[in-house]
Structures are given as C-alpha cells and as structure tokens.
Protein backbone atom coordinates (compact mmCIF):
# COMPACT_ATOMS: atom_id res chain seq x y z
CA MET A 1 0.01 0.09 0.12
CA SER A 2 1.11 3.72 -1.30
CA SER A 3 2.54 5.62 1.56
CA HIS A 4 0.82 8.48 0.40
CA ALA A 5 -3.20 6.84 0.10
CA HIS A 6 -3.59 7.86 3.74
CA ARG A 7 -2.86 11.33 2.58
CA LYS A 8 -5.73 14.09 2.38
CA PRO A 9 -5.79 15.11 -1.40
CA ILE A 10 -4.59 18.39 -2.57
CA LYS A 11 -7.35 20.04 -3.93
CA VAL A 12 -6.75 22.09 -7.33
CA ALA A 13 -9.16 25.00 -9.00
CA LEU A 14 -8.28 25.55 -12.65
CA LEU A 15 -9.03 29.17 -13.68
CA GLY A 16 -9.26 28.78 -17.51
CA CYS A 17 -8.72 26.28 -20.18
CA GLY A 18 -7.38 27.82 -22.69
CA THR A 19 -4.30 26.26 -25.17
CA VAL A 20 -2.35 26.14 -21.73
CA GLY A 21 -5.32 24.83 -19.05
CA THR A 22 -6.24 22.10 -21.51
CA GLU A 23 -2.65 20.77 -21.33
CA VAL A 24 -2.30 21.47 -17.54
CA VAL A 25 -5.39 19.33 -16.83
CA ARG A 26 -3.90 16.58 -19.27
CA LEU A 27 -0.82 16.84 -16.95
CA LEU A 28 -2.32 16.54 -14.20
CA THR A 29 -4.37 13.31 -15.93
CA ASP A 30 -1.18 11.36 -17.34
CA GLN A 31 1.20 12.25 -14.32
CA ALA A 32 -1.07 11.59 -11.71
CA PRO A 33 1.15 8.63 -9.81
CA ASP A 34 4.51 10.95 -10.12
CA LEU A 35 2.94 13.71 -8.91
CA THR A 36 1.74 12.10 -5.89
CA ALA A 37 4.70 11.12 -5.34
CA ARG A 38 6.73 13.76 -5.55
CA ILE A 39 3.99 15.67 -3.50
CA GLY A 40 3.21 13.60 -0.83
CA ALA A 41 -0.26 13.40 -1.61
CA PRO A 42 -2.61 12.94 -4.37
CA VAL A 43 -3.57 16.28 -6.05
CA GLU A 44 -7.06 16.44 -7.59
CA LEU A 45 -8.96 18.75 -9.82
CA ALA A 46 -11.85 20.58 -7.40
CA GLY A 47 -12.91 22.18 -10.79
CA ILE A 48 -12.74 24.21 -13.88
CA ALA A 49 -13.89 27.73 -14.35
CA VAL A 50 -14.37 28.75 -17.86
CA ARG A 51 -17.06 31.36 -19.93
CA ARG A 52 -18.48 28.39 -21.87
CA PRO A 53 -18.90 24.82 -20.97
CA ASN A 54 -20.13 23.77 -24.12
CA LYS A 55 -16.36 24.35 -26.14
CA HIS A 56 -14.56 21.91 -24.08
CA ARG A 57 -15.13 18.65 -24.57
CA GLU A 58 -12.39 17.18 -24.00
CA VAL A 59 -12.53 17.96 -20.09
CA PRO A 60 -15.17 15.91 -17.86
CA ALA A 61 -17.99 18.25 -17.90
CA GLU A 62 -18.73 17.47 -14.18
CA LEU A 63 -15.59 19.40 -13.49
CA LEU A 64 -17.27 22.66 -15.68
CA THR A 65 -18.43 25.60 -14.04
CA THR A 66 -19.38 28.79 -14.76
CA ASP A 67 -18.83 30.30 -11.65
CA ALA A 68 -16.01 31.05 -10.67
CA GLU A 69 -16.08 33.31 -7.95
CA ALA A 70 -17.46 30.61 -5.65
CA LEU A 71 -15.13 27.79 -7.16
CA VAL A 72 -12.40 30.09 -5.82
CA ALA A 73 -14.28 30.55 -2.87
CA SER A 74 -14.90 26.86 -1.85
CA ASP A 75 -14.00 25.57 1.42
CA ASP A 76 -12.88 22.30 -0.80
CA VAL A 77 -9.69 24.14 -2.86
CA ASP A 78 -6.61 24.33 -1.40
CA VAL A 79 -4.63 25.83 -4.78
CA VAL A 80 -5.85 28.16 -7.44
CA VAL A 81 -4.03 28.16 -10.54
CA GLU A 82 -4.77 31.19 -12.92
CA VAL A 83 -4.48 31.03 -16.91
CA ILE A 84 -6.80 33.44 -18.06
CA GLY A 85 -5.04 36.10 -18.56
CA GLY A 86 -5.75 40.00 -18.08
CA ILE A 87 -5.96 41.94 -15.26
CA GLU A 88 -9.82 41.46 -13.97
CA PRO A 89 -11.16 39.39 -13.21
CA ALA A 90 -7.92 37.25 -12.46
CA ARG A 91 -6.54 40.18 -10.14
CA SER A 92 -10.00 39.99 -8.05
CA LEU A 93 -10.35 36.05 -7.86
CA LEU A 94 -5.86 35.96 -7.03
CA LEU A 95 -6.52 38.40 -4.14
CA THR A 96 -9.96 36.39 -2.82
CA ALA A 97 -7.94 33.19 -3.03
CA LEU A 98 -4.73 34.35 -1.31
CA ARG A 99 -6.52 36.27 1.61
CA SER A 100 -8.33 33.07 2.43
CA GLY A 101 -4.86 31.29 2.28
CA LYS A 102 -5.38 28.93 -0.67
CA SER A 103 -1.86 29.17 -2.40
CA VAL A 104 -1.98 30.63 -5.96
CA VAL A 105 -0.07 29.47 -9.16
CA THR A 106 -0.38 32.08 -12.03
CA ALA A 107 1.27 32.27 -15.58
CA ASN A 108 -0.37 35.82 -15.35
CA LYS A 109 2.57 38.33 -16.51
CA ALA A 110 0.28 41.22 -17.21
CA LEU A 111 -1.46 41.31 -13.97
CA LEU A 112 2.08 40.50 -12.35
CA ALA A 113 3.65 43.31 -13.93
CA GLU A 114 0.92 45.70 -12.94
CA HIS A 115 -0.61 44.60 -9.21
CA SER A 116 2.32 42.50 -7.89
CA ALA A 117 2.51 44.51 -4.69
CA ASP A 118 -1.05 43.95 -4.17
CA LEU A 119 -0.56 39.95 -4.53
CA PHE A 120 2.32 39.85 -2.39
CA GLU A 121 0.67 41.75 0.71
CA ALA A 122 -2.30 39.22 0.15
CA SER A 123 0.00 36.24 0.13
CA ASP A 124 1.87 37.86 3.37
CA ALA A 125 -1.16 38.59 5.14
CA SER A 126 -2.19 35.08 4.97
CA GLY A 127 0.86 33.21 4.75
CA ALA A 128 -0.29 31.24 1.81
CA ASP A 129 2.08 30.66 -1.45
CA LEU A 130 2.22 32.68 -4.77
CA TYR A 131 4.01 31.02 -7.63
CA PHE A 132 4.49 32.41 -11.07
CA GLU A 133 7.10 30.52 -12.79
CA ALA A 134 5.04 30.47 -16.18
CA ALA A 135 4.71 34.42 -16.38
CA VAL A 136 7.70 34.68 -18.10
CA ALA A 137 9.92 32.89 -20.26
CA GLY A 138 7.41 29.36 -20.68
CA ALA A 139 8.70 26.41 -20.32
CA ILE A 140 12.35 27.68 -19.23
CA PRO A 141 13.14 27.52 -15.56
CA LEU A 142 14.09 31.34 -14.60
CA LEU A 143 12.33 32.99 -11.95
CA ARG A 144 13.11 30.40 -9.56
CA PRO A 145 16.89 30.80 -9.88
CA LEU A 146 16.36 34.06 -9.80
CA ARG A 147 14.34 34.11 -6.79
CA GLU A 148 16.16 31.21 -5.19
CA SER A 149 19.24 29.76 -6.36
CA LEU A 150 20.85 33.16 -6.87
CA ALA A 151 19.23 35.16 -4.01
CA GLY A 152 23.02 34.86 -2.11
CA ASP A 153 24.39 36.53 -5.00
CA ARG A 154 24.36 39.95 -6.55
CA ILE A 155 22.58 40.24 -10.20
CA THR A 156 24.40 42.69 -11.98
CA ARG A 157 22.67 42.27 -15.46
CA VAL A 158 19.55 40.25 -17.16
CA MET A 159 19.24 41.05 -21.10
CA GLY A 160 17.16 38.66 -23.33
CA ILE A 161 14.95 37.57 -25.90
CA VAL A 162 11.49 37.15 -24.10
CA ASN A 163 8.93 37.60 -26.75
CA GLY A 164 8.38 34.76 -29.57
CA THR A 165 6.85 36.37 -32.30
CA THR A 166 8.71 39.35 -32.59
CA ASN A 167 11.81 37.44 -32.64
CA PHE A 168 10.15 34.52 -35.35
CA ILE A 169 9.89 38.32 -37.34
CA LEU A 170 13.37 39.43 -36.72
CA SER A 171 14.91 35.95 -37.67
CA GLY A 172 13.07 35.66 -40.69
CA MET A 173 14.20 39.36 -41.36
CA ASP A 174 17.45 38.25 -41.34
CA SER A 175 17.88 34.67 -43.13
CA THR A 176 15.24 36.10 -46.15
CA GLY A 177 16.04 40.07 -46.37
CA ALA A 178 12.26 40.50 -46.78
CA SER A 179 10.61 43.54 -45.05
CA TYR A 180 8.91 43.69 -41.84
CA ALA A 181 5.10 43.94 -43.37
CA GLU A 182 5.76 40.81 -44.86
CA THR A 183 7.17 38.72 -42.46
CA LEU A 184 4.76 39.59 -39.75
CA GLU A 185 2.48 38.55 -42.76
CA GLU A 186 3.65 35.31 -42.81
CA ALA A 187 3.88 34.92 -39.17
CA THR A 188 0.38 35.25 -39.00
CA ARG A 189 -0.30 33.07 -41.50
CA LEU A 190 1.99 30.82 -39.53
CA GLY A 191 0.19 31.20 -36.70
CA TYR A 192 3.04 32.82 -35.43
CA ALA A 193 1.48 36.34 -34.77
CA GLU A 194 -2.01 36.91 -33.64
CA ALA A 195 -4.52 38.52 -36.01
CA ASP A 196 -4.29 41.45 -33.64
CA PRO A 197 -0.29 41.50 -32.60
CA THR A 198 -0.01 44.85 -31.30
CA ALA A 199 1.18 43.29 -27.83
CA ASP A 200 3.83 41.31 -29.10
CA VAL A 201 5.11 43.75 -31.78
CA ASP A 202 5.00 46.78 -29.83
CA GLY A 203 7.05 45.36 -27.09
CA PHE A 204 3.87 45.20 -24.50
CA ASP A 205 4.20 41.74 -23.76
CA ALA A 206 7.82 42.11 -23.43
CA ALA A 207 8.05 45.09 -21.33
CA SER A 208 5.77 43.05 -18.67
CA LYS A 209 7.94 40.52 -18.55
CA ALA A 210 11.26 42.87 -17.98
CA ALA A 211 9.36 44.34 -15.38
CA ILE A 212 8.71 41.03 -13.44
CA LEU A 213 12.55 40.36 -13.78
CA ALA A 214 14.14 43.47 -13.11
CA SER A 215 11.90 43.06 -9.63
CA LEU A 216 13.20 39.70 -9.11
CA ALA A 217 17.22 40.56 -9.99
CA PHE A 218 17.16 43.88 -8.01
CA HIS A 219 14.85 43.36 -5.30
CA SER A 220 12.85 46.28 -5.70
CA ARG A 221 9.62 46.87 -7.13
CA VAL A 222 9.13 47.15 -10.74
CA THR A 223 5.99 47.91 -12.57
CA ALA A 224 5.24 48.07 -16.64
CA ALA A 225 4.80 51.50 -16.45
CA ASP A 226 8.71 51.83 -15.35
CA VAL A 227 9.68 49.90 -18.25
CA HIS A 228 11.23 51.96 -21.55
CA ARG A 229 9.31 50.28 -24.48
CA GLU A 230 10.07 50.63 -28.31
CA GLY A 231 8.82 47.72 -30.95
CA ILE A 232 9.83 46.36 -34.02
CA ALA A 233 7.45 47.98 -36.75
CA ALA A 234 10.18 50.75 -37.48
CA VAL A 235 12.46 48.09 -38.09
CA SER A 236 13.70 48.06 -41.63
CA ALA A 237 15.36 45.26 -44.45
CA ALA A 238 18.15 47.97 -44.60
CA ASP A 239 18.39 47.94 -40.59
CA ILE A 240 18.64 44.42 -41.13
CA ALA A 241 21.47 44.21 -43.78
CA ALA A 242 23.48 46.71 -41.87
CA ALA A 243 23.41 44.82 -38.72
CA LYS A 244 24.98 41.94 -41.23
CA GLY A 245 27.74 44.38 -42.56
CA LEU A 246 28.72 44.93 -38.78
CA GLY A 247 28.83 41.14 -38.04
CA ARG A 248 25.60 41.48 -36.59
CA ILE A 249 22.06 40.72 -35.76
CA VAL A 250 18.76 42.55 -34.75
CA LYS A 251 16.90 41.55 -31.97
CA LEU A 252 14.09 42.29 -29.73
CA LEU A 253 15.90 42.51 -26.36
CA ALA A 254 14.27 43.20 -22.67
CA ILE A 255 17.21 44.72 -21.05
CA CYS A 256 17.39 45.01 -16.90
CA GLU A 257 20.79 46.04 -15.67
CA ARG A 258 22.12 48.06 -12.24
CA VAL A 259 23.27 51.61 -13.15
CA SER A 260 25.14 54.30 -11.85
CA VAL A 261 24.59 57.96 -11.82
CA ASP A 262 25.96 60.96 -11.16
CA ALA A 263 23.33 63.56 -9.90
CA GLY A 264 25.87 66.14 -10.66
CA ASP A 265 25.98 68.06 -7.61
CA GLY A 266 28.59 66.78 -5.75
CA SER A 267 26.93 64.20 -4.00
CA GLY A 268 28.76 61.19 -5.92
CA ALA A 269 26.98 58.57 -8.13
CA SER A 270 23.87 56.79 -6.62
CA GLU A 271 22.95 53.53 -8.03
CA GLY A 272 19.38 52.72 -9.46
CA ILE A 273 18.34 50.14 -12.79
CA SER A 274 17.65 50.44 -16.18
CA VAL A 275 14.59 48.68 -17.47
CA ARG A 276 14.49 48.69 -21.07
CA VAL A 277 12.66 46.63 -23.96
CA HIS A 278 14.10 47.83 -28.10
CA PRO A 279 15.44 46.53 -30.98
CA ALA A 280 18.99 46.51 -30.74
CA MET A 281 21.94 44.99 -32.76
CA ILE A 282 24.05 42.20 -31.11
CA PRO A 283 27.09 40.83 -32.49
CA ARG A 284 26.35 37.26 -33.63
CA SER A 285 28.98 35.82 -31.98
CA HIS A 286 26.62 36.54 -28.64
CA PRO A 287 24.82 33.86 -26.81
CA LEU A 288 21.61 35.29 -27.98
CA ALA A 289 22.21 35.87 -31.55
CA SER A 290 21.73 32.12 -31.87
CA VAL A 291 18.40 31.94 -30.75
CA HIS A 292 15.65 32.12 -33.56
CA GLY A 293 12.34 31.56 -34.62
CA ALA A 294 9.86 31.53 -31.32
CA PHE A 295 12.16 30.12 -28.99
CA ASN A 296 12.99 32.12 -26.23
CA ALA A 297 16.79 32.79 -23.95
CA VAL A 298 17.54 34.95 -21.38
CA PHE A 299 21.43 35.79 -20.53
CA VAL A 300 22.05 36.43 -16.55
CA GLU A 301 25.05 38.04 -14.81
CA ALA A 302 25.63 38.01 -11.80
CA ASP A 303 29.27 39.10 -9.41
CA ALA A 304 30.09 35.39 -7.97
CA ALA A 305 27.96 33.04 -10.43
CA GLY A 306 29.26 34.87 -13.32
CA GLU A 307 27.29 34.36 -16.98
CA MET A 308 24.81 32.36 -17.49
CA MET A 309 21.72 31.39 -20.25
CA PHE A 310 18.63 29.99 -19.95
CA TYR A 311 17.57 28.88 -23.02
CA GLY A 312 13.97 27.10 -24.31
CA GLN A 313 10.29 27.05 -25.76
CA GLY A 314 9.08 30.66 -24.86
CA ALA A 315 5.13 29.92 -25.09
CA GLY A 316 2.63 27.19 -26.28
CA GLY A 317 0.31 25.04 -24.19
CA ALA A 318 2.45 21.80 -23.11
CA PRO A 319 5.69 23.93 -22.58
CA THR A 320 3.55 26.69 -20.33
CA ALA A 321 1.55 23.75 -18.64
CA SER A 322 5.01 22.57 -17.56
CA ALA A 323 6.42 25.73 -15.84
CA VAL A 324 2.61 25.81 -14.28
CA LEU A 325 2.74 22.01 -12.68
CA GLY A 326 6.31 22.45 -11.48
CA ASP A 327 5.21 25.71 -9.19
CA LEU A 328 1.89 23.34 -8.54
CA VAL A 329 4.43 20.38 -7.33
CA ALA A 330 6.02 23.29 -5.26
CA VAL A 331 2.72 24.76 -3.47
CA ALA A 332 1.15 21.68 -2.89
CA ARG A 333 4.16 19.97 -1.41
CA ASN A 334 4.26 23.19 0.97
CA ARG A 335 0.84 22.61 2.33
CA VAL A 336 1.78 19.37 2.63
CA HIS A 337 4.89 19.52 4.86
CA SER A 338 3.64 22.95 6.18
CA GLY A 339 6.47 24.91 4.08
CA ARG A 340 6.62 28.04 2.79
CA GLY A 341 7.69 29.48 -0.29
CA PRO A 342 9.81 32.28 -1.23
CA ARG A 343 7.96 35.98 -0.16
CA GLU A 344 8.39 39.63 -2.19
CA SER A 345 12.05 40.69 -1.89
CA ALA A 346 11.77 44.46 -2.52
CA TYR A 347 14.21 45.35 0.17
CA ALA A 348 16.44 47.09 -1.85
CA GLY A 349 14.31 49.83 -3.58
CA LEU A 350 16.30 50.83 -5.79
CA PRO A 351 14.81 53.53 -8.39
CA VAL A 352 14.24 52.96 -12.43
CA ARG A 353 16.14 55.57 -14.09
CA PRO A 354 15.02 57.29 -16.87
CA MET A 355 15.80 55.80 -20.71
CA GLY A 356 17.51 59.20 -20.66
CA GLN A 357 20.29 58.82 -18.29
CA THR A 358 20.98 55.04 -19.36
CA PRO A 359 24.10 54.44 -20.80
CA THR A 360 24.04 52.92 -24.46
CA ARG A 361 25.46 52.68 -27.68
CA TYR A 362 24.06 53.68 -31.44
CA HIS A 363 24.49 52.51 -34.76
CA ILE A 364 23.72 55.62 -37.38
CA SER A 365 23.21 55.72 -40.83
CA LEU A 366 23.24 58.98 -42.71
CA ASP A 367 22.86 59.77 -46.15
CA VAL A 368 25.03 62.71 -47.04
CA ALA A 369 26.47 65.35 -49.77
CA ASP A 370 29.84 63.68 -51.17
CA ARG A 371 31.91 66.50 -50.34
CA ALA A 372 35.20 67.46 -48.95
CA GLY A 373 34.42 68.19 -44.77
CA VAL A 374 31.03 66.48 -44.34
CA LEU A 375 32.64 63.80 -41.93
CA SER A 376 34.54 66.86 -39.74
CA GLN A 377 31.18 68.91 -39.42
CA VAL A 378 29.29 65.37 -38.20
CA ALA A 379 32.21 64.49 -35.88
CA ALA A 380 31.97 67.84 -34.29
CA VAL A 381 28.59 67.31 -33.48
CA PHE A 382 29.33 64.52 -31.72
CA ALA A 383 32.41 66.28 -29.77
CA GLU A 384 29.97 68.90 -29.22
CA HIS A 385 28.14 66.49 -27.15
CA ASP A 386 30.76 64.47 -25.35
CA VAL A 387 29.94 61.25 -27.50
CA SER A 388 32.66 59.14 -28.56
CA ILE A 389 32.78 57.90 -32.04
CA ALA A 390 33.81 53.46 -32.10
CA ALA A 391 33.63 53.09 -36.05
CA VAL A 392 32.70 55.37 -38.94
CA ARG A 393 32.08 53.75 -42.59
CA GLN A 394 31.86 55.63 -45.61
CA GLU A 395 30.26 54.10 -48.40
CA GLY A 396 29.36 55.70 -52.28
CA ARG A 397 29.91 58.23 -54.44
CA VAL A 398 28.26 62.09 -55.36
CA ASP A 399 24.37 61.18 -55.28
CA ASP A 400 24.29 58.30 -53.06
CA ALA A 401 26.98 58.81 -50.40
CA SER A 402 26.19 57.35 -46.66
CA LEU A 403 28.08 57.42 -43.68
CA VAL A 404 27.89 54.73 -41.12
CA ILE A 405 29.22 55.79 -37.64
CA VAL A 406 29.00 53.24 -34.00
CA THR A 407 29.61 55.39 -30.89
CA HIS A 408 31.07 54.15 -27.49
CA ALA A 409 28.73 54.24 -24.82
CA ALA A 410 27.00 57.54 -23.69
CA THR A 411 23.60 58.55 -22.29
CA ASP A 412 20.78 57.99 -24.42
CA ALA A 413 19.73 61.40 -23.59
CA ALA A 414 23.03 62.81 -25.07
CA LEU A 415 23.21 59.87 -28.19
CA ARG A 416 19.09 61.57 -28.97
CA SER A 417 20.34 65.04 -28.98
CA THR A 418 23.58 64.18 -30.89
CA VAL A 419 21.17 62.62 -33.83
CA ASP A 420 18.38 65.48 -34.11
CA LYS A 421 21.61 68.36 -34.47
CA ILE A 422 23.08 66.43 -37.30
CA GLY A 423 19.64 65.79 -38.79
CA GLY A 424 19.50 69.69 -38.91
CA LEU A 425 22.79 70.07 -41.05
CA PRO A 426 22.98 71.03 -44.37
CA VAL A 427 25.60 68.19 -45.71
CA VAL A 428 23.22 65.50 -44.23
CA ARG A 429 20.07 64.86 -46.10
CA GLU A 430 18.43 62.41 -44.24
CA VAL A 431 19.04 60.20 -41.10
CA VAL A 432 18.19 56.92 -42.60
CA SER A 433 18.25 54.62 -39.04
CA VAL A 434 19.24 54.68 -35.82
CA MET A 435 19.80 51.60 -33.98
CA ARG A 436 20.75 50.73 -30.62
CA VAL A 437 23.72 48.34 -30.38
CA GLU A 438 24.59 45.96 -27.48
CA GLY A 439 27.13 43.62 -26.61
CA GLU A 440 30.89 43.96 -26.69
CA GLU A 441 32.41 47.35 -27.73
C-alpha cells in the first residue's frame, strides 16, 4: 500500500481552460502517480472555471463551472491555478484566494507586472504561496533561479529575448531579407503572430516580462509603466542588412541592469536600475544571436556566478503547462509539509532611471552630400555632445553617399540630442536609421 494513500488530496481549482489550461488538465491526469509521489499526497481537480462550458468537450463536464467566484471561495479548494490572463477578473479572484489562505499559481505576466504588490501583500498577510514561473519565458526555469538559486548573489544584468513572435519576425527578416510587413504577414499565416499582434510587436508583452525580471533580479518593485518600450515595426530590411555588414543581428531585447548615475551636484554617483525593451544589434558571436524562431533565451550576469544563459520554448500550451505544473508541485508540497515559498523581496527599493540617463550605444546611418568636410562637420556634433565615435564607414559617391557611425557608450539623452542636431546639418540629407547596439564594444 502506498505511503501516500492515507494523505488528504490537494484540491486544485483551475481558472481558464484554453491552450495552456487544457495541457495542465492533461498533465495532471497523465502524471498523477508521479505527482503524488513527488508531493506526498494526491492532487485532484476540484473544478475548472470557464466562460463557455460547451466549448470544452475534452475535459470532464462535471468539473466545469461558469462561477469562478464560487469555485475560488470553496472550502474544498487548496490551490488556485490561473491561466485566463488579463487584469480582471483575474486580480480579484487571486486576491480572494490568497486572502483566504489558498496557494496561487499564475501564468499572468500582465497582472504581475502591474499588481504584484497587492498580490504579495495578500500572500504575506495569510501566509499563502504565490508562484508565477510560467509568467515569463514559458517552459524555461528562470524566475525560480532568480528568486531562489541566485538569492545569495548580486545580479548585475539580465538581458534576453522574451517574446517569440517578434523573434520569429526578426529571424525571418534576417534570413530572407524581406520587409517587416511581409514577414509579419507570413508569421500570422503560420500562427506565430496573433490576428492583432500589437501586444507583441509593440513590445508590451516583453515590457511586462522585463518588469517581473527586474523586480526579482534587483529586489525592487518595478511595474510595466517603469519600462522604456519600443517595438519592432520601424525595423527595416536596410537595418537588418546594415547589422549583417557589421557582423551583427537585430533582436528585440528586454534589458534590466544596474546603472550608476552621477546627480551632478557633488553628491557622487547613486545606484539605480534601467529597465528597457527595444530592438538592438548584437554581435553574431553573442549567445543570444543564435536564438531563432519562436524560442526564448535570457542571459544573466551575476558577481559570483558569472554569466549564465537560460534557453527554451517561451510559449505554447505544453511548455507553459510544464512551468505551471512545476509551481503546482512546489506549492502542494509546501502545504503537505507545512512549508512556505519565497516571499516578495523588494528591500533594495532601487529607483528606475529614466531612459535618458541610461548608458547606451548607437548605430547611425546617414545619407550625406559627397563633398569634402562632411565627416568633420558630423564629428564636430558628436564632440559637442561628449559622444565618442567607435567606428565610421563611408560608402558611395556623388548623389548616393552614406555614412555609418557606431558610437561608444553615452547617455541615451546625449545620443538622441546628437542625432537630432546631425539631422539638421545642411550636408546631411537624411538620418536613414538609428538603432541601439548591445554586446561588447
């Protein structure tokens, strides 16, 4: 007889039964004996809240309900798993669960990026667990390492590709030379982009994930509103080709890093954090450069651990459900053995620095008049703004001359002012493109 036979089952309420929810139900069923052994008690579904029960013929009808509030409030429920997404009703339902002492597992990045403080407050008040591995980078174990494995280290930087749709599009543009519009159309046709791709291509999805990563990495509260966000719609085939010419590739990156800023008042430098999402050129030798298609990868740098990369499937039903189940095992095990998961760690309270104060590097492509003195006029503007030039390439003759400049690091505000002033020079016909550069100098 199993040593777990006498243990009271852990009862789970599932909110949502779409692509991820359906896989969660399947894994709970298929892996039941293993889960029981790993947790120390059986796990049983107490109910599944959905909007339209008739659309879910693949799950037992007796488990379905349209009354999510009643399911969450039920005394028969120990753990609430939320995969519906969006802010409401998810926020209210999870606050109810946490306040009543029920453990919560959620995959909801938008909710965590905006309301994690409320959720953690409710979790702390009742002692209930709040786990959310599936909210960032799908199946990749990433948040738990930041939250637990690296808790004794000082993380300096987290940089990654956390949105599969944009990575699929930029990878496609790089391999085919096609335009953004053509590649987006192809991504939509293949199912890699939603009918309305705004959340992905404009960087909203990546910004939510960046806020969560920065909060965990730097022990500070960061919300989606704190994240500087730029999407990929303005990335042209010419930008991709220019990157190739420099031995680089364009990626939409989420970058969270510690930055030191001098206030300029004699008080010295103070530490803050920069959290941003934007396209950038990275060297093809960088580990993130080889991340293609819909895959995700996050590069972490820490004082003692050095450099680490986490790579895998960042979305999809089964991969995301894998992360949900991992969290479910952890919170269920805590309930069986009277344990407790990690709580919010926001003690550092580091300020998020505005983008203008963040050190970055630019790749600037200019359409210029091909005559003597052009380079010296352009270089004078860089010097005026204390921006140092790392590399210059001049191409073409007469009516079709171009100047490509890569800078050393400077504040984003200084670089932006430099570009604006260069655009007004009589010898510059057009600022063709401006893109940030990441990776080694």
